[in-house]
Amino acid sequence: MMTRHHTAQLVTVLVLVAALAIGLARKAGWRTAKAPPEPQDAVYAMLAAARSGDVKAWLACYTGEMQATLRQTVKESTEPGFAKYLRDTHAAIKGVAVSDPQRIGEQEATLRVEYIYQDRNEAQIVFLEKSPAGWKIARAGTAGRVPSLIPYGTPVK
């Protein structure tokens, strides 16, 4: 006859065995279902690459004419110099707000990106295209200043 204590022990053992099995499966290289990439993932990847100064990863976030133009800009500079430029210009960004994407069919989307600085906010519309490699930034509108009701870093009372 199984008591509550024995049932609790059995459930605990089963949970631990399941957790161990999942851990071993992941270590063995089994993959769990992964959500498909979303348009905003390209923006976050671009920002991460810029913050770290990874020029190659940063360029990989773009596509088409915009990527070609940026490649030419990097080529005209030195890559270490451009990496420093990316790190320096993105160091001033305190935060980012990315809107939900507006889909234009299956292969295109737009989204609004708001950059939060110490003394101001700037927003721009980003146009993205889906490729076999995922979503890429195809073009971006000019960043415009956005009024901020409470400046970044203002103490809350």
C-alpha atoms as a PDB file:
ATOM      1  CA  MET A   1       0.000   0.000   0.000  1.00  0.00           C
ATOM      2  CA  MET A   2       1.382   3.374  -1.036  1.00  0.00           C
ATOM      3  CA  THR A   3       1.211   6.199   1.493  1.00  0.00           C
ATOM      4  CA  ARG A   4       1.177   9.911   0.746  1.00  0.00           C
ATOM      5  CA  HIS A   5       4.817  10.043   1.762  1.00  0.00           C
ATOM      6  CA  HIS A   6       5.743   7.327  -0.754  1.00  0.00           C
ATOM      7  CA  THR A   7       3.669   9.026  -3.469  1.00  0.00           C
ATOM      8  CA  ALA A   8       5.448  12.329  -2.835  1.00  0.00           C
ATOM      9  CA  GLN A   9       8.832  10.580  -2.995  1.00  0.00           C
ATOM     10  CA  LEU A  10       7.875   8.859  -6.265  1.00  0.00           C
ATOM     11  CA  VAL A  11       6.737  12.143  -7.825  1.00  0.00           C
ATOM     12  CA  THR A  12       9.973  13.826  -6.713  1.00  0.00           C
ATOM     13  CA  VAL A  13      12.076  11.034  -8.232  1.00  0.00           C
ATOM     14  CA  LEU A  14      10.115  11.181 -11.503  1.00  0.00           C
ATOM     15  CA  VAL A  15      10.573  14.966 -11.744  1.00  0.00           C
ATOM     16  CA  LEU A  16      14.317  14.641 -11.117  1.00  0.00           C
ATOM     17  CA  VAL A  17      14.636  11.856 -13.715  1.00  0.00           C
ATOM     18  CA  ALA A  18      12.743  13.980 -16.266  1.00  0.00           C
ATOM     19  CA  ALA A  19      14.977  16.989 -15.559  1.00  0.00           C
ATOM     20  CA  LEU A  20      18.090  14.823 -15.903  1.00  0.00           C
ATOM     21  CA  ALA A  21      16.810  13.373 -19.179  1.00  0.00           C
ATOM     22  CA  ILE A  22      16.141  16.840 -20.592  1.00  0.00           C
ATOM     23  CA  GLY A  23      19.591  18.012 -19.535  1.00  0.00           C
ATOM     24  CA  LEU A  24      21.274  14.991 -21.111  1.00  0.00           C
ATOM     25  CA  ALA A  25      19.249  15.381 -24.305  1.00  0.00           C
ATOM     26  CA  ARG A  26      20.323  19.008 -24.649  1.00  0.00           C
ATOM     27  CA  LYS A  27      23.945  18.125 -23.937  1.00  0.00           C
ATOM     28  CA  ALA A  28      23.749  15.401 -26.600  1.00  0.00           C
ATOM     29  CA  GLY A  29      22.688  18.020 -29.102  1.00  0.00           C
ATOM     30  CA  TRP A  30      18.979  17.320 -29.335  1.00  0.00           C
ATOM     31  CA  ARG A  31      17.130  20.478 -30.151  1.00  0.00           C
ATOM     32  CA  THR A  32      13.870  21.612 -28.735  1.00  0.00           C
ATOM     33  CA  ALA A  33      11.417  23.461 -30.953  1.00  0.00           C
ATOM     34  CA  LYS A  34      12.655  26.998 -31.468  1.00  0.00           C
ATOM     35  CA  ALA A  35      10.442  29.944 -32.294  1.00  0.00           C
ATOM     36  CA  PRO A  36      10.984  31.267 -35.824  1.00  0.00           C
ATOM     37  CA  PRO A  37      12.924  34.533 -36.022  1.00  0.00           C
ATOM     38  CA  GLU A  38      10.892  37.706 -35.844  1.00  0.00           C
ATOM     39  CA  PRO A  39      11.655  41.042 -37.584  1.00  0.00           C
ATOM     40  CA  GLN A  40      12.662  42.714 -34.301  1.00  0.00           C
ATOM     41  CA  ASP A  41      15.356  40.039 -33.816  1.00  0.00           C
ATOM     42  CA  ALA A  42      17.321  41.692 -36.646  1.00  0.00           C
ATOM     43  CA  VAL A  43      17.225  45.045 -34.831  1.00  0.00           C
ATOM     44  CA  TYR A  44      18.347  43.518 -31.532  1.00  0.00           C
ATOM     45  CA  ALA A  45      21.146  41.608 -33.301  1.00  0.00           C
ATOM     46  CA  MET A  46      22.290  44.808 -35.037  1.00  0.00           C
ATOM     47  CA  LEU A  47      22.359  46.698 -31.737  1.00  0.00           C
ATOM     48  CA  ALA A  48      24.282  43.917 -29.969  1.00  0.00           C
ATOM     49  CA  ALA A  49      26.835  43.742 -32.783  1.00  0.00           C
ATOM     50  CA  ALA A  50      27.249  47.531 -32.770  1.00  0.00           C
ATOM     51  CA  ARG A  51      27.717  47.665 -28.985  1.00  0.00           C
ATOM     52  CA  SER A  52      30.428  45.020 -29.176  1.00  0.00           C
ATOM     53  CA  GLY A  53      32.046  46.550 -32.269  1.00  0.00           C
ATOM     54  CA  ASP A  54      31.546  43.370 -34.319  1.00  0.00           C
ATOM     55  CA  VAL A  55      31.539  44.898 -37.800  1.00  0.00           C
ATOM     56  CA  LYS A  56      30.994  41.591 -39.637  1.00  0.00           C
ATOM     57  CA  ALA A  57      27.957  40.651 -37.494  1.00  0.00           C
ATOM     58  CA  TRP A  58      26.655  44.227 -37.772  1.00  0.00           C
ATOM     59  CA  LEU A  59      26.838  44.154 -41.574  1.00  0.00           C
ATOM     60  CA  ALA A  60      25.134  40.745 -41.612  1.00  0.00           C
ATOM     61  CA  CYS A  61      22.028  42.384 -40.099  1.00  0.00           C
ATOM     62  CA  TYR A  62      21.462  44.356 -43.304  1.00  0.00           C
ATOM     63  CA  THR A  63      20.490  43.408 -46.841  1.00  0.00           C
ATOM     64  CA  GLY A  64      20.342  44.812 -50.349  1.00  0.00           C
ATOM     65  CA  GLU A  65      21.419  48.309 -51.261  1.00  0.00           C
ATOM     66  CA  MET A  66      21.693  49.372 -47.627  1.00  0.00           C
ATOM     67  CA  GLN A  67      24.150  46.576 -46.883  1.00  0.00           C
ATOM     68  CA  ALA A  68      26.173  47.422 -50.015  1.00  0.00           C
ATOM     69  CA  THR A  69      26.362  51.091 -48.993  1.00  0.00           C
ATOM     70  CA  LEU A  70      27.412  50.199 -45.439  1.00  0.00           C
ATOM     71  CA  ARG A  71      30.050  47.743 -46.726  1.00  0.00           C
ATOM     72  CA  GLN A  72      31.505  50.536 -48.865  1.00  0.00           C
ATOM     73  CA  THR A  73      31.567  52.865 -45.848  1.00  0.00           C
ATOM     74  CA  VAL A  74      33.397  50.232 -43.787  1.00  0.00           C
ATOM     75  CA  LYS A  75      35.831  49.610 -46.664  1.00  0.00           C
ATOM     76  CA  GLU A  76      36.645  53.345 -46.876  1.00  0.00           C
ATOM     77  CA  SER A  77      37.427  53.331 -43.165  1.00  0.00           C
ATOM     78  CA  THR A  78      39.635  50.855 -41.362  1.00  0.00           C
ATOM     79  CA  GLU A  79      37.687  47.996 -39.794  1.00  0.00           C
ATOM     80  CA  PRO A  80      39.182  48.608 -36.317  1.00  0.00           C
ATOM     81  CA  GLY A  81      38.351  52.296 -36.682  1.00  0.00           C
ATOM     82  CA  PHE A  82      34.801  51.503 -37.745  1.00  0.00           C
ATOM     83  CA  ALA A  83      34.420  49.024 -34.878  1.00  0.00           C
ATOM     84  CA  LYS A  84      35.404  51.802 -32.459  1.00  0.00           C
ATOM     85  CA  TYR A  85      32.939  54.153 -34.155  1.00  0.00           C
ATOM     86  CA  LEU A  86      30.125  51.592 -33.676  1.00  0.00           C
ATOM     87  CA  ARG A  87      30.987  51.066 -30.005  1.00  0.00           C
ATOM     88  CA  ASP A  88      31.275  54.803 -29.334  1.00  0.00           C
ATOM     89  CA  THR A  89      28.026  55.815 -31.064  1.00  0.00           C
ATOM     90  CA  HIS A  90      26.031  53.045 -29.395  1.00  0.00           C
ATOM     91  CA  ALA A  91      27.553  53.580 -25.937  1.00  0.00           C
ATOM     92  CA  ALA A  92      25.372  56.672 -25.490  1.00  0.00           C
ATOM     93  CA  ILE A  93      22.175  54.634 -25.968  1.00  0.00           C
ATOM     94  CA  LYS A  94      20.654  53.910 -22.560  1.00  0.00           C
ATOM     95  CA  GLY A  95      17.775  51.796 -23.833  1.00  0.00           C
ATOM     96  CA  VAL A  96      15.711  50.829 -26.830  1.00  0.00           C
ATOM     97  CA  ALA A  97      11.985  50.364 -27.395  1.00  0.00           C
ATOM     98  CA  VAL A  98      11.038  48.276 -30.426  1.00  0.00           C
ATOM     99  CA  SER A  99       7.402  48.200 -31.524  1.00  0.00           C
ATOM    100  CA  ASP A 100       5.598  45.113 -32.714  1.00  0.00           C
ATOM    101  CA  PRO A 101       6.213  44.620 -36.429  1.00  0.00           C
ATOM    102  CA  GLN A 102       3.668  45.658 -39.012  1.00  0.00           C
ATOM    103  CA  ARG A 103       3.699  42.894 -41.635  1.00  0.00           C
ATOM    104  CA  ILE A 104       3.566  43.769 -45.307  1.00  0.00           C
ATOM    105  CA  GLY A 105       2.931  40.294 -46.633  1.00  0.00           C
ATOM    106  CA  GLU A 106       5.084  37.326 -45.634  1.00  0.00           C
ATOM    107  CA  GLN A 107       8.449  38.757 -46.690  1.00  0.00           C
ATOM    108  CA  GLU A 108       8.378  42.377 -45.512  1.00  0.00           C
ATOM    109  CA  ALA A 109       7.714  44.252 -42.292  1.00  0.00           C
ATOM    110  CA  THR A 110       8.238  47.636 -40.680  1.00  0.00           C
ATOM    111  CA  LEU A 111       8.729  48.543 -37.077  1.00  0.00           C
ATOM    112  CA  ARG A 112       9.415  51.626 -35.017  1.00  0.00           C
ATOM    113  CA  VAL A 113      12.629  51.778 -33.006  1.00  0.00           C
ATOM    114  CA  GLU A 114      12.983  54.371 -30.265  1.00  0.00           C
ATOM    115  CA  TYR A 115      16.496  55.007 -28.967  1.00  0.00           C
ATOM    116  CA  ILE A 116      16.678  56.348 -25.417  1.00  0.00           C
ATOM    117  CA  TYR A 117      19.598  58.647 -24.609  1.00  0.00           C
ATOM    118  CA  GLN A 118      20.423  60.514 -21.407  1.00  0.00           C
ATOM    119  CA  ASP A 119      19.108  63.818 -22.757  1.00  0.00           C
ATOM    120  CA  ARG A 120      16.674  62.828 -25.528  1.00  0.00           C
ATOM    121  CA  ASN A 121      14.801  60.091 -27.348  1.00  0.00           C
ATOM    122  CA  GLU A 122      14.982  59.463 -31.089  1.00  0.00           C
ATOM    123  CA  ALA A 123      12.709  57.254 -33.166  1.00  0.00           C
ATOM    124  CA  GLN A 124      12.928  55.839 -36.657  1.00  0.00           C
ATOM    125  CA  ILE A 125      10.985  53.461 -38.853  1.00  0.00           C
ATOM    126  CA  VAL A 126      12.948  50.404 -39.966  1.00  0.00           C
ATOM    127  CA  PHE A 127      12.002  48.355 -43.036  1.00  0.00           C
ATOM    128  CA  LEU A 128      12.892  44.667 -42.993  1.00  0.00           C
ATOM    129  CA  GLU A 129      12.918  41.839 -45.523  1.00  0.00           C
ATOM    130  CA  LYS A 130      12.801  38.136 -44.827  1.00  0.00           C
ATOM    131  CA  SER A 131      15.475  35.998 -46.452  1.00  0.00           C
ATOM    132  CA  PRO A 132      16.437  32.342 -46.038  1.00  0.00           C
ATOM    133  CA  ALA A 133      18.920  33.562 -43.403  1.00  0.00           C
ATOM    134  CA  GLY A 134      16.174  35.344 -41.436  1.00  0.00           C
ATOM    135  CA  TRP A 135      14.979  38.929 -41.205  1.00  0.00           C
ATOM    136  CA  LYS A 136      17.384  41.659 -42.384  1.00  0.00           C
ATOM    137  CA  ILE A 137      17.217  45.452 -42.279  1.00  0.00           C
ATOM    138  CA  ALA A 138      16.612  46.722 -45.825  1.00  0.00           C
ATOM    139  CA  ARG A 139      16.366  50.438 -45.086  1.00  0.00           C
ATOM    140  CA  ALA A 140      15.667  52.879 -42.299  1.00  0.00           C
ATOM    141  CA  GLY A 141      14.028  56.264 -42.114  1.00  0.00           C
ATOM    142  CA  THR A 142      15.753  59.282 -40.638  1.00  0.00           C
ATOM    143  CA  ALA A 143      15.796  59.293 -36.847  1.00  0.00           C
ATOM    144  CA  GLY A 144      13.690  62.099 -35.428  1.00  0.00           C
ATOM    145  CA  ARG A 145      13.666  63.542 -31.946  1.00  0.00           C
ATOM    146  CA  VAL A 146      10.800  62.416 -29.717  1.00  0.00           C
ATOM    147  CA  PRO A 147       9.627  64.562 -26.794  1.00  0.00           C
ATOM    148  CA  SER A 148      10.291  62.862 -23.468  1.00  0.00           C
ATOM    149  CA  LEU A 149       8.034  63.679 -20.531  1.00  0.00           C
ATOM    150  CA  ILE A 150      10.584  62.455 -17.998  1.00  0.00           C
ATOM    151  CA  PRO A 151      14.282  62.494 -18.969  1.00  0.00           C
ATOM    152  CA  TYR A 152      16.224  59.253 -18.543  1.00  0.00           C
ATOM    153  CA  GLY A 153      17.722  58.916 -15.079  1.00  0.00           C
ATOM    154  CA  THR A 154      15.298  61.294 -13.350  1.00  0.00           C
ATOM    155  CA  PRO A 155      14.914  60.134  -9.717  1.00  0.00           C
ATOM    156  CA  VAL A 156      11.479  58.783  -8.883  1.00  0.00           C
ATOM    157  CA  LYS A 157       9.922  60.227  -5.711  1.00  0.00           C
END
